[in-house]
Amino acid sequence: MHKFKEGDLWLLTSTFDQRLTEITTIIGIISAISALPIFKYISKWSQRRRKNKAEHLIEAIAKATRPLIESYEREHQEVMDKLADQDETSISLLHDRVYIDGQKMLDKGEASIDEIDNFIHLYQCYRKLGGNGTGEAMNRRVMDLPLKHETNTLVQEAKALHEEREAKK
């Protein structure tokens, strides 16, 4: 049998402590390795849970706002329909004016600068709204008319007013 001396006990406890530390380290490594799948599972579960919460929140918001959106869409369509009706009405009125004013000038066989200026404004609006070929044909005929000589036209007065305003700036 081996007899222990006083210094041997320290060596024995020191070796025991080392072995215990090694065992603890090994157990820690094994625990960490074996816990990795658990942490991965918990992480994936947490991600799925957040994703499901987000999806449920999006669904709840969509469900809550659907009546508002549908109401807006109905009102928007009503406004668009009214605008289309107003455009159609404007085209009809402009067509009538382009035709009547153009025909008056064609019947006279000439046109003043003021009449041409007014006609151009009407025709440009008519064309911008999508007027048909009748207005374009009338426009061509009116633009081919000879100009009636005038000494003082509204167009000349407007030009003078514009020049005065620009000079004051």
C-alpha atoms as a PDB file:
ATOM      1  CA  MET A   1       0.000   0.000   0.000  1.00  0.00           C
ATOM      2  CA  HIS A   2       1.136   3.442  -0.818  1.00  0.00           C
ATOM      3  CA  LYS A   3       1.570   5.894   1.963  1.00  0.00           C
ATOM      4  CA  PHE A   4       0.681   9.503   1.313  1.00  0.00           C
ATOM      5  CA  LYS A   5       2.851  12.264   2.537  1.00  0.00           C
ATOM      6  CA  GLU A   6       1.626  15.688   3.431  1.00  0.00           C
ATOM      7  CA  GLY A   7       2.662  17.188   0.037  1.00  0.00           C
ATOM      8  CA  ASP A   8       1.079  14.296  -1.843  1.00  0.00           C
ATOM      9  CA  LEU A   9      -2.410  15.360  -0.788  1.00  0.00           C
ATOM     10  CA  TRP A  10      -1.996  18.670  -2.543  1.00  0.00           C
ATOM     11  CA  LEU A  11      -0.882  16.884  -5.687  1.00  0.00           C
ATOM     12  CA  LEU A  12      -3.819  14.554  -5.480  1.00  0.00           C
ATOM     13  CA  THR A  13      -6.371  17.386  -5.040  1.00  0.00           C
ATOM     14  CA  SER A  14      -4.679  19.385  -7.765  1.00  0.00           C
ATOM     15  CA  THR A  15      -4.935  16.455 -10.180  1.00  0.00           C
ATOM     16  CA  PHE A  16      -8.523  15.880  -9.103  1.00  0.00           C
ATOM     17  CA  ASP A  17      -9.323  19.574  -9.720  1.00  0.00           C
ATOM     18  CA  GLN A  18      -7.728  19.379 -13.164  1.00  0.00           C
ATOM     19  CA  ARG A  19      -9.682  16.272 -14.050  1.00  0.00           C
ATOM     20  CA  LEU A  20     -12.864  17.834 -12.706  1.00  0.00           C
ATOM     21  CA  THR A  21     -12.233  20.971 -14.820  1.00  0.00           C
ATOM     22  CA  GLU A  22     -11.590  18.814 -17.878  1.00  0.00           C
ATOM     23  CA  ILE A  23     -14.757  16.817 -17.256  1.00  0.00           C
ATOM     24  CA  THR A  24     -16.737  20.035 -16.739  1.00  0.00           C
ATOM     25  CA  THR A  25     -15.334  21.459 -19.975  1.00  0.00           C
ATOM     26  CA  ILE A  26     -16.162  18.277 -21.876  1.00  0.00           C
ATOM     27  CA  ILE A  27     -19.675  18.206 -20.424  1.00  0.00           C
ATOM     28  CA  GLY A  28     -20.071  21.906 -21.356  1.00  0.00           C
ATOM     29  CA  ILE A  29     -18.960  21.218 -24.929  1.00  0.00           C
ATOM     30  CA  ILE A  30     -21.255  18.211 -25.213  1.00  0.00           C
ATOM     31  CA  SER A  31     -24.123  20.241 -23.749  1.00  0.00           C
ATOM     32  CA  ALA A  32     -23.502  23.090 -26.148  1.00  0.00           C
ATOM     33  CA  ILE A  33     -23.336  20.737 -29.126  1.00  0.00           C
ATOM     34  CA  SER A  34     -26.454  18.888 -28.086  1.00  0.00           C
ATOM     35  CA  ALA A  35     -28.258  22.146 -27.282  1.00  0.00           C
ATOM     36  CA  LEU A  36     -27.544  23.611 -30.739  1.00  0.00           C
ATOM     37  CA  PRO A  37     -30.470  21.793 -32.400  1.00  0.00           C
ATOM     38  CA  ILE A  38     -32.716  22.948 -29.567  1.00  0.00           C
ATOM     39  CA  PHE A  39     -31.633  26.568 -30.063  1.00  0.00           C
ATOM     40  CA  LYS A  40     -32.135  26.226 -33.812  1.00  0.00           C
ATOM     41  CA  TYR A  41     -35.610  24.819 -33.233  1.00  0.00           C
ATOM     42  CA  ILE A  42     -36.457  27.617 -30.783  1.00  0.00           C
ATOM     43  CA  SER A  43     -35.118  30.210 -33.224  1.00  0.00           C
ATOM     44  CA  LYS A  44     -37.164  28.812 -36.128  1.00  0.00           C
ATOM     45  CA  TRP A  45     -40.244  28.567 -33.936  1.00  0.00           C
ATOM     46  CA  SER A  46     -39.781  32.191 -32.889  1.00  0.00           C
ATOM     47  CA  GLN A  47     -39.384  33.292 -36.516  1.00  0.00           C
ATOM     48  CA  ARG A  48     -42.518  31.382 -37.568  1.00  0.00           C
ATOM     49  CA  ARG A  49     -44.417  32.902 -34.673  1.00  0.00           C
ATOM     50  CA  ARG A  50     -43.352  36.447 -35.621  1.00  0.00           C
ATOM     51  CA  LYS A  51     -44.186  35.757 -39.273  1.00  0.00           C
ATOM     52  CA  ASN A  52     -47.633  34.390 -38.319  1.00  0.00           C
ATOM     53  CA  LYS A  53     -48.281  37.401 -36.100  1.00  0.00           C
ATOM     54  CA  ALA A  54     -47.304  39.733 -38.931  1.00  0.00           C
ATOM     55  CA  GLU A  55     -49.533  37.868 -41.391  1.00  0.00           C
ATOM     56  CA  HIS A  56     -52.461  37.956 -38.963  1.00  0.00           C
ATOM     57  CA  LEU A  57     -51.892  41.666 -38.413  1.00  0.00           C
ATOM     58  CA  ILE A  58     -51.825  42.302 -42.167  1.00  0.00           C
ATOM     59  CA  GLU A  59     -55.031  40.290 -42.588  1.00  0.00           C
ATOM     60  CA  ALA A  60     -56.701  42.201 -39.743  1.00  0.00           C
ATOM     61  CA  ILE A  61     -55.686  45.548 -41.240  1.00  0.00           C
ATOM     62  CA  ALA A  62     -56.858  44.483 -44.703  1.00  0.00           C
ATOM     63  CA  LYS A  63     -60.177  43.284 -43.275  1.00  0.00           C
ATOM     64  CA  ALA A  64     -60.638  46.491 -41.279  1.00  0.00           C
ATOM     65  CA  THR A  65     -59.780  48.787 -44.191  1.00  0.00           C
ATOM     66  CA  ARG A  66     -61.597  46.847 -46.932  1.00  0.00           C
ATOM     67  CA  PRO A  67     -64.915  48.715 -46.448  1.00  0.00           C
ATOM     68  CA  LEU A  68     -63.095  52.050 -46.575  1.00  0.00           C
ATOM     69  CA  ILE A  69     -61.220  51.068 -49.708  1.00  0.00           C
ATOM     70  CA  GLU A  70     -64.380  49.789 -51.380  1.00  0.00           C
ATOM     71  CA  SER A  71     -66.202  53.007 -50.460  1.00  0.00           C
ATOM     72  CA  TYR A  72     -63.322  55.073 -51.849  1.00  0.00           C
ATOM     73  CA  GLU A  73     -63.281  53.024 -55.053  1.00  0.00           C
ATOM     74  CA  ARG A  74     -67.029  53.545 -55.530  1.00  0.00           C
ATOM     75  CA  GLU A  75     -66.735  57.289 -54.926  1.00  0.00           C
ATOM     76  CA  HIS A  76     -63.688  57.488 -57.188  1.00  0.00           C
ATOM     77  CA  GLN A  77     -65.577  55.700 -59.960  1.00  0.00           C
ATOM     78  CA  GLU A  78     -68.519  58.067 -59.548  1.00  0.00           C
ATOM     79  CA  VAL A  79     -66.187  61.062 -59.836  1.00  0.00           C
ATOM     80  CA  MET A  80     -64.480  59.546 -62.885  1.00  0.00           C
ATOM     81  CA  ASP A  81     -67.870  58.890 -64.498  1.00  0.00           C
ATOM     82  CA  LYS A  82     -68.955  62.481 -63.837  1.00  0.00           C
ATOM     83  CA  LEU A  83     -65.688  63.792 -65.273  1.00  0.00           C
ATOM     84  CA  ALA A  84     -66.155  61.659 -68.369  1.00  0.00           C
ATOM     85  CA  ASP A  85     -69.696  63.022 -68.717  1.00  0.00           C
ATOM     86  CA  GLN A  86     -68.394  66.578 -68.324  1.00  0.00           C
ATOM     87  CA  ASP A  87     -65.688  65.947 -70.914  1.00  0.00           C
ATOM     88  CA  GLU A  88     -68.295  64.595 -73.310  1.00  0.00           C
ATOM     89  CA  THR A  89     -70.514  67.615 -72.656  1.00  0.00           C
ATOM     90  CA  SER A  90     -67.569  69.994 -73.155  1.00  0.00           C
ATOM     91  CA  ILE A  91     -66.638  68.293 -76.415  1.00  0.00           C
ATOM     92  CA  SER A  92     -70.226  68.599 -77.629  1.00  0.00           C
ATOM     93  CA  LEU A  93     -70.449  72.290 -76.719  1.00  0.00           C
ATOM     94  CA  LEU A  94     -67.043  73.072 -78.189  1.00  0.00           C
ATOM     95  CA  HIS A  95     -67.920  71.140 -81.355  1.00  0.00           C
ATOM     96  CA  ASP A  96     -71.079  73.205 -81.705  1.00  0.00           C
ATOM     97  CA  ARG A  97     -69.197  76.492 -81.201  1.00  0.00           C
ATOM     98  CA  VAL A  98     -66.370  75.494 -83.561  1.00  0.00           C
ATOM     99  CA  TYR A  99     -68.918  74.542 -86.206  1.00  0.00           C
ATOM    100  CA  ILE A 100     -71.168  77.608 -85.780  1.00  0.00           C
ATOM    101  CA  ASP A 101     -68.332  80.181 -85.507  1.00  0.00           C
ATOM    102  CA  GLY A 102     -66.414  78.556 -88.358  1.00  0.00           C
ATOM    103  CA  GLN A 103     -69.497  78.434 -90.586  1.00  0.00           C
ATOM    104  CA  LYS A 104     -70.208  82.163 -89.945  1.00  0.00           C
ATOM    105  CA  MET A 105     -66.695  83.075 -91.076  1.00  0.00           C
ATOM    106  CA  LEU A 106     -66.931  80.748 -94.092  1.00  0.00           C
ATOM    107  CA  ASP A 107     -70.286  82.334 -95.058  1.00  0.00           C
ATOM    108  CA  LYS A 108     -68.682  85.829 -94.891  1.00  0.00           C
ATOM    109  CA  GLY A 109     -65.706  84.607 -96.903  1.00  0.00           C
ATOM    110  CA  GLU A 110     -63.232  86.323 -94.566  1.00  0.00           C
ATOM    111  CA  ALA A 111     -62.291  86.473 -90.898  1.00  0.00           C
ATOM    112  CA  SER A 112     -60.968  89.132 -88.559  1.00  0.00           C
ATOM    113  CA  ILE A 113     -57.905  88.558 -86.400  1.00  0.00           C
ATOM    114  CA  ASP A 114     -60.156  88.589 -83.324  1.00  0.00           C
ATOM    115  CA  GLU A 115     -62.487  85.972 -84.837  1.00  0.00           C
ATOM    116  CA  ILE A 116     -59.511  83.759 -85.761  1.00  0.00           C
ATOM    117  CA  ASP A 117     -58.006  84.164 -82.263  1.00  0.00           C
ATOM    118  CA  ASN A 118     -61.308  83.184 -80.637  1.00  0.00           C
ATOM    119  CA  PHE A 119     -61.736  80.260 -83.025  1.00  0.00           C
ATOM    120  CA  ILE A 120     -58.203  78.994 -82.304  1.00  0.00           C
ATOM    121  CA  HIS A 121     -58.902  78.987 -78.544  1.00  0.00           C
ATOM    122  CA  LEU A 122     -62.114  77.034 -79.047  1.00  0.00           C
ATOM    123  CA  TYR A 123     -60.553  74.574 -81.478  1.00  0.00           C
ATOM    124  CA  GLN A 124     -57.471  73.900 -79.322  1.00  0.00           C
ATOM    125  CA  CYS A 125     -59.649  73.020 -76.321  1.00  0.00           C
ATOM    126  CA  TYR A 126     -61.916  70.903 -78.517  1.00  0.00           C
ATOM    127  CA  ARG A 127     -58.949  69.016 -79.969  1.00  0.00           C
ATOM    128  CA  LYS A 128     -57.280  68.562 -76.536  1.00  0.00           C
ATOM    129  CA  LEU A 129     -60.442  66.886 -75.255  1.00  0.00           C
ATOM    130  CA  GLY A 130     -60.403  64.474 -78.196  1.00  0.00           C
ATOM    131  CA  GLY A 131     -62.689  66.150 -80.733  1.00  0.00           C
ATOM    132  CA  ASN A 132     -63.205  64.385 -84.050  1.00  0.00           C
ATOM    133  CA  GLY A 133     -62.274  65.171 -87.655  1.00  0.00           C
ATOM    134  CA  THR A 134     -65.185  67.542 -88.285  1.00  0.00           C
ATOM    135  CA  GLY A 135     -63.571  70.177 -86.079  1.00  0.00           C
ATOM    136  CA  GLU A 136     -60.208  69.641 -87.756  1.00  0.00           C
ATOM    137  CA  ALA A 137     -61.765  70.057 -91.208  1.00  0.00           C
ATOM    138  CA  MET A 138     -63.481  73.252 -90.079  1.00  0.00           C
ATOM    139  CA  ASN A 139     -60.205  74.513 -88.591  1.00  0.00           C
ATOM    140  CA  ARG A 140     -58.404  73.982 -91.918  1.00  0.00           C
ATOM    141  CA  ARG A 141     -61.097  75.851 -93.838  1.00  0.00           C
ATOM    142  CA  VAL A 142     -61.133  78.769 -91.386  1.00  0.00           C
ATOM    143  CA  MET A 143     -57.321  79.055 -91.419  1.00  0.00           C
ATOM    144  CA  ASP A 144     -57.428  79.285 -95.223  1.00  0.00           C
ATOM    145  CA  LEU A 145     -59.796  82.309 -95.143  1.00  0.00           C
ATOM    146  CA  PRO A 146     -58.430  85.716 -96.087  1.00  0.00           C
ATOM    147  CA  LEU A 147     -57.970  88.149 -93.163  1.00  0.00           C
ATOM    148  CA  LYS A 148     -60.254  91.160 -92.914  1.00  0.00           C
ATOM    149  CA  HIS A 149     -58.227  94.349 -92.469  1.00  0.00           C
ATOM    150  CA  GLU A 150     -58.735  95.991 -89.064  1.00  0.00           C
ATOM    151  CA  THR A 151     -57.013  98.909 -87.422  1.00  0.00           C
ATOM    152  CA  ASN A 152     -57.618  98.125 -83.747  1.00  0.00           C
ATOM    153  CA  THR A 153     -58.210  94.536 -82.694  1.00  0.00           C
ATOM    154  CA  LEU A 154     -58.651  92.921 -79.306  1.00  0.00           C
ATOM    155  CA  VAL A 155     -55.558  90.837 -80.037  1.00  0.00           C
ATOM    156  CA  GLN A 156     -53.526  94.032 -80.535  1.00  0.00           C
ATOM    157  CA  GLU A 157     -54.929  95.548 -77.327  1.00  0.00           C
ATOM    158  CA  ALA A 158     -54.170  92.356 -75.396  1.00  0.00           C
ATOM    159  CA  LYS A 159     -50.614  92.367 -76.722  1.00  0.00           C
ATOM    160  CA  ALA A 160     -50.170  95.991 -75.635  1.00  0.00           C
ATOM    161  CA  LEU A 161     -51.553  95.209 -72.147  1.00  0.00           C
ATOM    162  CA  HIS A 162     -49.206  92.271 -71.831  1.00  0.00           C
ATOM    163  CA  GLU A 163     -46.227  94.412 -72.839  1.00  0.00           C
ATOM    164  CA  GLU A 164     -47.237  97.068 -70.262  1.00  0.00           C
ATOM    165  CA  ARG A 165     -47.408  94.445 -67.477  1.00  0.00           C
ATOM    166  CA  GLU A 166     -44.028  93.029 -68.458  1.00  0.00           C
ATOM    167  CA  ALA A 167     -42.474  96.499 -68.474  1.00  0.00           C
ATOM    168  CA  LYS A 168     -43.719  97.144 -64.897  1.00  0.00           C
ATOM    169  CA  LYS A 169     -42.031  94.001 -63.584  1.00  0.00           C
END
